[in-house]
Amino acid sequence: MDSTRQQKYAKLIQKDMSDIFLKDAKHMFGNLFITITQVRVSPDLGLAKIYLSLMMTNDKDASLELIRSQTKPLRKLLGDKIRKQARIIPELAFFLDDSVDYAMHIESIMSKLDIPKDAEEGKDKPQKK
């Protein structure tokens, strides 16, 4: 369980990194649409694990590698934004968040299931008094 301090720091990083991806670093990634789904910060606040959802790309792994190759400039931009609010500018580690893909996969499986209707549904059920 993360401490309140870690949670506040993670929210700060998520907000500012989202702003960086949306405005400041748009030229680095072209038309790639990047959403930050979650940020986890280590207890010493020295490492931020950033989970990304990538859209408008055919190869998510290649796009993730492109983002990872730009870690130093992204950390610098983050440092410029949070310098007055945080003493430590964390190292950044980027990961793909596949929870949306997993949910869509489960949804497609559920929609393909053929569940027969219970023929005796409604009959002989005990009535509540």
N, C-alpha and C. Protein backbone atom coordinates (compact mmCIF):
# COMPACT_ATOMS: atom_id res chain seq x y z
N MET A 1 0.84 -1.18 0.00
CA MET A 1 0.00 0.00 0.00
C MET A 1 0.88 1.24 0.00
N ASP A 2 0.60 2.13 -0.91
CA ASP A 2 1.39 3.36 -1.01
C ASP A 2 1.00 4.33 0.10
N SER A 3 1.98 5.07 0.57
CA SER A 3 1.70 6.09 1.57
C SER A 3 1.00 7.28 0.91
N THR A 4 0.45 8.15 1.74
CA THR A 4 -0.23 9.34 1.23
C THR A 4 0.75 10.20 0.45
N ARG A 5 1.96 10.28 0.93
CA ARG A 5 3.00 11.07 0.25
C ARG A 5 3.27 10.52 -1.15
N GLN A 6 3.40 9.20 -1.25
CA GLN A 6 3.63 8.58 -2.56
C GLN A 6 2.45 8.81 -3.49
N GLN A 7 1.24 8.72 -2.97
CA GLN A 7 0.06 8.91 -3.80
C GLN A 7 -0.03 10.34 -4.33
N LYS A 8 0.26 11.31 -3.47
CA LYS A 8 0.23 12.71 -3.91
C LYS A 8 1.32 12.98 -4.95
N TYR A 9 2.48 12.42 -4.73
CA TYR A 9 3.59 12.59 -5.67
C TYR A 9 3.26 11.93 -7.01
N ALA A 10 2.63 10.75 -6.95
CA ALA A 10 2.25 10.05 -8.17
C ALA A 10 1.21 10.85 -8.96
N LYS A 11 0.26 11.45 -8.27
CA LYS A 11 -0.75 12.28 -8.95
C LYS A 11 -0.11 13.50 -9.60
N LEU A 12 0.84 14.11 -8.90
CA LEU A 12 1.55 15.26 -9.45
C LEU A 12 2.30 14.87 -10.73
N ILE A 13 3.00 13.75 -10.68
CA ILE A 13 3.76 13.28 -11.84
C ILE A 13 2.81 12.93 -12.98
N GLN A 14 1.71 12.25 -12.67
CA GLN A 14 0.76 11.87 -13.71
C GLN A 14 0.19 13.11 -14.40
N LYS A 15 -0.20 14.10 -13.64
CA LYS A 15 -0.76 15.33 -14.22
C LYS A 15 0.26 16.04 -15.10
N ASP A 16 1.47 16.21 -14.58
CA ASP A 16 2.47 16.96 -15.34
C ASP A 16 3.01 16.17 -16.53
N MET A 17 3.17 14.86 -16.40
CA MET A 17 3.62 14.06 -17.55
C MET A 17 2.55 14.03 -18.63
N SER A 18 1.29 13.99 -18.24
CA SER A 18 0.21 14.05 -19.23
C SER A 18 0.27 15.36 -20.01
N ASP A 19 0.52 16.43 -19.29
CA ASP A 19 0.64 17.74 -19.92
C ASP A 19 1.85 17.78 -20.86
N ILE A 20 2.95 17.17 -20.44
CA ILE A 20 4.15 17.11 -21.28
C ILE A 20 3.88 16.34 -22.57
N PHE A 21 3.25 15.16 -22.45
CA PHE A 21 2.95 14.36 -23.64
C PHE A 21 1.97 15.09 -24.56
N LEU A 22 1.05 15.83 -23.98
CA LEU A 22 0.04 16.52 -24.77
C LEU A 22 0.58 17.75 -25.49
N LYS A 23 1.46 18.51 -24.80
CA LYS A 23 1.90 19.79 -25.36
C LYS A 23 3.39 19.84 -25.68
N ASP A 24 4.22 19.65 -24.66
CA ASP A 24 5.65 19.92 -24.81
C ASP A 24 6.41 18.89 -25.66
N ALA A 25 6.01 17.63 -25.60
CA ALA A 25 6.76 16.58 -26.29
C ALA A 25 6.02 16.04 -27.51
N LYS A 26 5.02 16.75 -27.97
CA LYS A 26 4.24 16.28 -29.11
C LYS A 26 5.12 16.08 -30.35
N HIS A 27 6.12 16.95 -30.52
CA HIS A 27 7.00 16.85 -31.68
C HIS A 27 7.88 15.59 -31.63
N MET A 28 8.09 15.02 -30.45
CA MET A 28 8.94 13.82 -30.32
C MET A 28 8.25 12.57 -30.83
N PHE A 29 6.91 12.53 -30.73
CA PHE A 29 6.20 11.29 -31.00
C PHE A 29 5.18 11.38 -32.14
N GLY A 30 5.15 12.48 -32.84
CA GLY A 30 4.26 12.61 -33.99
C GLY A 30 2.80 12.58 -33.60
N ASN A 31 2.02 11.78 -34.31
CA ASN A 31 0.59 11.74 -34.04
C ASN A 31 0.20 10.65 -33.03
N LEU A 32 1.17 10.10 -32.33
CA LEU A 32 0.91 9.08 -31.33
C LEU A 32 0.12 9.69 -30.17
N PHE A 33 -0.97 9.04 -29.80
CA PHE A 33 -1.81 9.51 -28.70
C PHE A 33 -1.45 8.70 -27.46
N ILE A 34 -0.91 9.38 -26.44
CA ILE A 34 -0.39 8.72 -25.25
C ILE A 34 -1.24 9.13 -24.05
N THR A 35 -1.74 8.13 -23.33
CA THR A 35 -2.50 8.37 -22.12
C THR A 35 -1.79 7.69 -20.96
N ILE A 36 -1.64 8.40 -19.86
CA ILE A 36 -1.04 7.82 -18.66
C ILE A 36 -2.16 7.26 -17.81
N THR A 37 -2.17 5.95 -17.63
CA THR A 37 -3.24 5.31 -16.88
C THR A 37 -2.92 5.21 -15.39
N GLN A 38 -1.64 5.09 -15.06
CA GLN A 38 -1.28 4.95 -13.66
C GLN A 38 0.19 5.32 -13.46
N VAL A 39 0.51 5.84 -12.29
CA VAL A 39 1.89 6.12 -11.90
C VAL A 39 2.10 5.52 -10.53
N ARG A 40 3.17 4.77 -10.38
CA ARG A 40 3.55 4.20 -9.08
C ARG A 40 4.93 4.75 -8.74
N VAL A 41 5.06 5.24 -7.52
CA VAL A 41 6.30 5.86 -7.07
C VAL A 41 6.90 5.00 -5.97
N SER A 42 8.22 4.82 -6.02
CA SER A 42 8.92 4.05 -4.99
C SER A 42 8.86 4.80 -3.66
N PRO A 43 9.03 4.10 -2.55
CA PRO A 43 8.96 4.76 -1.23
C PRO A 43 9.96 5.90 -1.04
N ASP A 44 11.12 5.82 -1.69
CA ASP A 44 12.09 6.91 -1.56
C ASP A 44 11.87 8.01 -2.60
N LEU A 45 10.82 7.90 -3.40
CA LEU A 45 10.44 8.86 -4.43
C LEU A 45 11.49 9.00 -5.53
N GLY A 46 12.36 8.04 -5.64
CA GLY A 46 13.44 8.11 -6.63
C GLY A 46 13.12 7.46 -7.96
N LEU A 47 12.03 6.68 -8.02
CA LEU A 47 11.65 5.99 -9.24
C LEU A 47 10.15 6.11 -9.45
N ALA A 48 9.75 6.50 -10.64
CA ALA A 48 8.34 6.57 -11.01
C ALA A 48 8.10 5.58 -12.15
N LYS A 49 7.24 4.61 -11.90
CA LYS A 49 6.83 3.66 -12.95
C LYS A 49 5.56 4.22 -13.57
N ILE A 50 5.65 4.52 -14.86
CA ILE A 50 4.55 5.17 -15.57
C ILE A 50 3.95 4.17 -16.55
N TYR A 51 2.65 3.90 -16.38
CA TYR A 51 1.95 2.95 -17.24
C TYR A 51 1.17 3.73 -18.29
N LEU A 52 1.42 3.38 -19.55
CA LEU A 52 0.89 4.13 -20.69
C LEU A 52 -0.11 3.30 -21.49
N SER A 53 -1.09 3.98 -22.03
CA SER A 53 -2.00 3.41 -23.01
C SER A 53 -1.71 4.16 -24.31
N LEU A 54 -1.40 3.42 -25.36
CA LEU A 54 -1.01 4.03 -26.64
C LEU A 54 -2.10 3.79 -27.68
N MET A 55 -2.46 4.86 -28.37
CA MET A 55 -3.45 4.76 -29.45
C MET A 55 -2.89 5.39 -30.71
N MET A 56 -3.54 5.09 -31.80
CA MET A 56 -3.15 5.58 -33.12
C MET A 56 -1.77 5.07 -33.51
N THR A 57 -1.50 3.82 -33.17
CA THR A 57 -0.25 3.18 -33.55
C THR A 57 -0.52 1.73 -33.91
N ASN A 58 0.22 1.23 -34.88
CA ASN A 58 0.08 -0.17 -35.26
C ASN A 58 1.00 -1.07 -34.45
N ASP A 59 2.14 -0.54 -34.05
CA ASP A 59 3.14 -1.32 -33.32
C ASP A 59 3.39 -0.66 -31.95
N LYS A 60 2.68 -1.15 -30.94
CA LYS A 60 2.79 -0.55 -29.61
C LYS A 60 4.17 -0.75 -29.00
N ASP A 61 4.80 -1.89 -29.27
CA ASP A 61 6.13 -2.14 -28.71
C ASP A 61 7.17 -1.16 -29.28
N ALA A 62 7.10 -0.90 -30.57
CA ALA A 62 8.03 0.05 -31.18
C ALA A 62 7.78 1.47 -30.65
N SER A 63 6.51 1.80 -30.45
CA SER A 63 6.18 3.12 -29.90
C SER A 63 6.68 3.26 -28.47
N LEU A 64 6.56 2.19 -27.70
CA LEU A 64 7.07 2.20 -26.32
C LEU A 64 8.58 2.37 -26.31
N GLU A 65 9.26 1.71 -27.22
CA GLU A 65 10.73 1.86 -27.31
C GLU A 65 11.11 3.29 -27.70
N LEU A 66 10.31 3.91 -28.57
CA LEU A 66 10.55 5.31 -28.93
C LEU A 66 10.41 6.21 -27.70
N ILE A 67 9.39 5.96 -26.90
CA ILE A 67 9.20 6.74 -25.68
C ILE A 67 10.35 6.51 -24.71
N ARG A 68 10.74 5.24 -24.55
CA ARG A 68 11.85 4.91 -23.65
C ARG A 68 13.16 5.55 -24.11
N SER A 69 13.35 5.70 -25.41
CA SER A 69 14.58 6.32 -25.92
C SER A 69 14.62 7.82 -25.61
N GLN A 70 13.48 8.39 -25.31
CA GLN A 70 13.39 9.82 -24.99
C GLN A 70 13.23 10.07 -23.49
N THR A 71 13.62 9.12 -22.66
CA THR A 71 13.43 9.24 -21.21
C THR A 71 14.17 10.44 -20.63
N LYS A 72 15.41 10.66 -21.04
CA LYS A 72 16.18 11.78 -20.47
C LYS A 72 15.55 13.13 -20.78
N PRO A 73 15.19 13.41 -22.05
CA PRO A 73 14.52 14.71 -22.31
C PRO A 73 13.17 14.84 -21.58
N LEU A 74 12.44 13.72 -21.46
CA LEU A 74 11.16 13.76 -20.75
C LEU A 74 11.37 14.05 -19.26
N ARG A 75 12.40 13.47 -18.68
CA ARG A 75 12.71 13.71 -17.27
C ARG A 75 13.11 15.18 -17.06
N LYS A 76 13.83 15.72 -18.01
CA LYS A 76 14.22 17.14 -17.93
C LYS A 76 12.99 18.04 -17.98
N LEU A 77 12.06 17.74 -18.89
CA LEU A 77 10.83 18.52 -18.98
C LEU A 77 10.01 18.40 -17.69
N LEU A 78 9.97 17.19 -17.13
CA LEU A 78 9.26 16.99 -15.87
C LEU A 78 9.93 17.79 -14.75
N GLY A 79 11.26 17.75 -14.71
CA GLY A 79 12.00 18.51 -13.71
C GLY A 79 11.72 20.00 -13.79
N ASP A 80 11.62 20.51 -15.01
CA ASP A 80 11.32 21.93 -15.18
C ASP A 80 9.93 22.28 -14.63
N LYS A 81 8.99 21.34 -14.74
CA LYS A 81 7.63 21.59 -14.27
C LYS A 81 7.48 21.46 -12.76
N ILE A 82 8.12 20.46 -12.15
CA ILE A 82 7.87 20.19 -10.73
C ILE A 82 9.01 20.63 -9.81
N ARG A 83 9.98 21.34 -10.35
CA ARG A 83 11.16 21.74 -9.57
C ARG A 83 10.79 22.47 -8.28
N LYS A 84 9.79 23.34 -8.32
CA LYS A 84 9.41 24.12 -7.14
C LYS A 84 8.55 23.33 -6.16
N GLN A 85 7.99 22.20 -6.61
CA GLN A 85 7.08 21.42 -5.77
C GLN A 85 7.72 20.17 -5.20
N ALA A 86 8.83 19.73 -5.78
CA ALA A 86 9.44 18.47 -5.35
C ALA A 86 10.94 18.63 -5.24
N ARG A 87 11.48 17.99 -4.25
CA ARG A 87 12.93 18.04 -4.06
C ARG A 87 13.63 17.04 -4.97
N ILE A 88 12.99 15.90 -5.20
CA ILE A 88 13.59 14.83 -5.99
C ILE A 88 12.85 14.72 -7.32
N ILE A 89 13.61 14.72 -8.41
CA ILE A 89 13.03 14.43 -9.73
C ILE A 89 13.32 12.95 -9.97
N PRO A 90 12.27 12.13 -10.02
CA PRO A 90 12.49 10.67 -10.08
C PRO A 90 13.00 10.20 -11.44
N GLU A 91 13.66 9.06 -11.41
CA GLU A 91 13.97 8.35 -12.65
C GLU A 91 12.64 7.85 -13.21
N LEU A 92 12.51 7.82 -14.52
CA LEU A 92 11.25 7.41 -15.14
C LEU A 92 11.40 6.05 -15.80
N ALA A 93 10.42 5.19 -15.57
CA ALA A 93 10.38 3.88 -16.23
C ALA A 93 8.99 3.75 -16.86
N PHE A 94 8.95 3.47 -18.16
CA PHE A 94 7.69 3.42 -18.89
C PHE A 94 7.32 1.97 -19.18
N PHE A 95 6.01 1.67 -19.01
CA PHE A 95 5.48 0.34 -19.26
C PHE A 95 4.15 0.48 -19.99
N LEU A 96 3.81 -0.54 -20.79
CA LEU A 96 2.50 -0.56 -21.44
C LEU A 96 1.45 -1.02 -20.45
N ASP A 97 0.33 -0.35 -20.42
CA ASP A 97 -0.80 -0.78 -19.61
C ASP A 97 -1.75 -1.51 -20.55
N ASP A 98 -1.84 -2.80 -20.38
CA ASP A 98 -2.66 -3.60 -21.28
C ASP A 98 -4.02 -3.94 -20.67
N SER A 99 -4.44 -3.23 -19.64
CA SER A 99 -5.70 -3.55 -19.00
C SER A 99 -6.89 -3.29 -19.92
N VAL A 100 -6.82 -2.27 -20.77
CA VAL A 100 -7.90 -1.99 -21.70
C VAL A 100 -7.99 -3.10 -22.74
N ASP A 101 -6.85 -3.54 -23.28
CA ASP A 101 -6.84 -4.63 -24.24
C ASP A 101 -7.37 -5.92 -23.61
N TYR A 102 -6.98 -6.16 -22.37
CA TYR A 102 -7.43 -7.36 -21.66
C TYR A 102 -8.94 -7.31 -21.44
N ALA A 103 -9.47 -6.15 -21.06
CA ALA A 103 -10.91 -6.01 -20.85
C ALA A 103 -11.68 -6.23 -22.15
N MET A 104 -11.15 -5.70 -23.25
CA MET A 104 -11.80 -5.91 -24.55
C MET A 104 -11.77 -7.38 -24.95
N HIS A 105 -10.67 -8.06 -24.64
CA HIS A 105 -10.55 -9.49 -24.93
C HIS A 105 -11.58 -10.29 -24.13
N ILE A 106 -11.71 -10.00 -22.86
CA ILE A 106 -12.68 -10.70 -22.00
C ILE A 106 -14.10 -10.40 -22.49
N GLU A 107 -14.36 -9.16 -22.86
CA GLU A 107 -15.68 -8.79 -23.37
C GLU A 107 -16.02 -9.57 -24.64
N SER A 108 -15.04 -9.73 -25.54
CA SER A 108 -15.30 -10.49 -26.77
C SER A 108 -15.56 -11.96 -26.46
N ILE A 109 -14.86 -12.51 -25.49
CA ILE A 109 -15.09 -13.90 -25.10
C ILE A 109 -16.49 -14.04 -24.50
N MET A 110 -16.86 -13.10 -23.64
CA MET A 110 -18.18 -13.16 -23.00
C MET A 110 -19.30 -13.04 -24.03
N SER A 111 -19.10 -12.22 -25.05
CA SER A 111 -20.15 -12.04 -26.05
C SER A 111 -20.31 -13.27 -26.94
N LYS A 112 -19.27 -14.09 -27.04
CA LYS A 112 -19.34 -15.29 -27.87
C LYS A 112 -19.94 -16.49 -27.13
N LEU A 113 -20.10 -16.39 -25.83
CA LEU A 113 -20.65 -17.50 -25.06
C LEU A 113 -22.12 -17.71 -25.40
N ASP A 114 -22.49 -18.97 -25.48
CA ASP A 114 -23.88 -19.32 -25.75
C ASP A 114 -24.45 -19.89 -24.45
N ILE A 115 -25.11 -19.05 -23.70
CA ILE A 115 -25.67 -19.46 -22.42
C ILE A 115 -27.16 -19.70 -22.63
N PRO A 116 -27.60 -20.96 -22.46
CA PRO A 116 -29.02 -21.26 -22.68
C PRO A 116 -29.87 -20.67 -21.56
N LYS A 117 -31.07 -20.30 -21.92
CA LYS A 117 -32.02 -19.78 -20.94
C LYS A 117 -32.48 -20.93 -20.06
N ASP A 118 -32.67 -20.67 -18.81
CA ASP A 118 -33.14 -21.69 -17.88
C ASP A 118 -34.63 -21.89 -18.14
N ALA A 119 -35.02 -23.09 -18.56
CA ALA A 119 -36.40 -23.38 -18.93
C ALA A 119 -37.34 -23.26 -17.74
N GLU A 120 -36.84 -23.55 -16.59
CA GLU A 120 -37.71 -23.54 -15.43
C GLU A 120 -37.54 -22.27 -14.60
N GLU A 121 -36.98 -21.27 -15.21
CA GLU A 121 -36.78 -20.02 -14.51
C GLU A 121 -38.13 -19.42 -14.15
N GLY A 122 -38.30 -19.04 -12.95
CA GLY A 122 -39.55 -18.45 -12.52
C GLY A 122 -40.53 -19.46 -11.95
N LYS A 123 -40.36 -20.75 -12.24
CA LYS A 123 -41.25 -21.78 -11.73
C LYS A 123 -40.69 -22.34 -10.43
N ASP A 124 -41.56 -22.67 -9.56
CA ASP A 124 -41.24 -23.36 -8.32
C ASP A 124 -40.14 -22.69 -7.50
N LYS A 125 -40.05 -21.38 -7.60
CA LYS A 125 -39.08 -20.68 -6.75
C LYS A 125 -39.78 -20.38 -5.43
N PRO A 126 -39.03 -20.56 -4.36
CA PRO A 126 -39.65 -20.25 -3.07
C PRO A 126 -39.92 -18.75 -2.96
N GLN A 127 -41.06 -18.43 -2.49
CA GLN A 127 -41.48 -17.05 -2.36
C GLN A 127 -41.01 -16.51 -1.00
N LYS A 128 -40.54 -15.29 -0.99
CA LYS A 128 -40.13 -14.66 0.28
C LYS A 128 -41.37 -14.16 1.01
N LYS A 129 -41.37 -14.34 2.30
CA LYS A 129 -42.51 -13.88 3.10
C LYS A 129 -42.17 -12.67 3.87
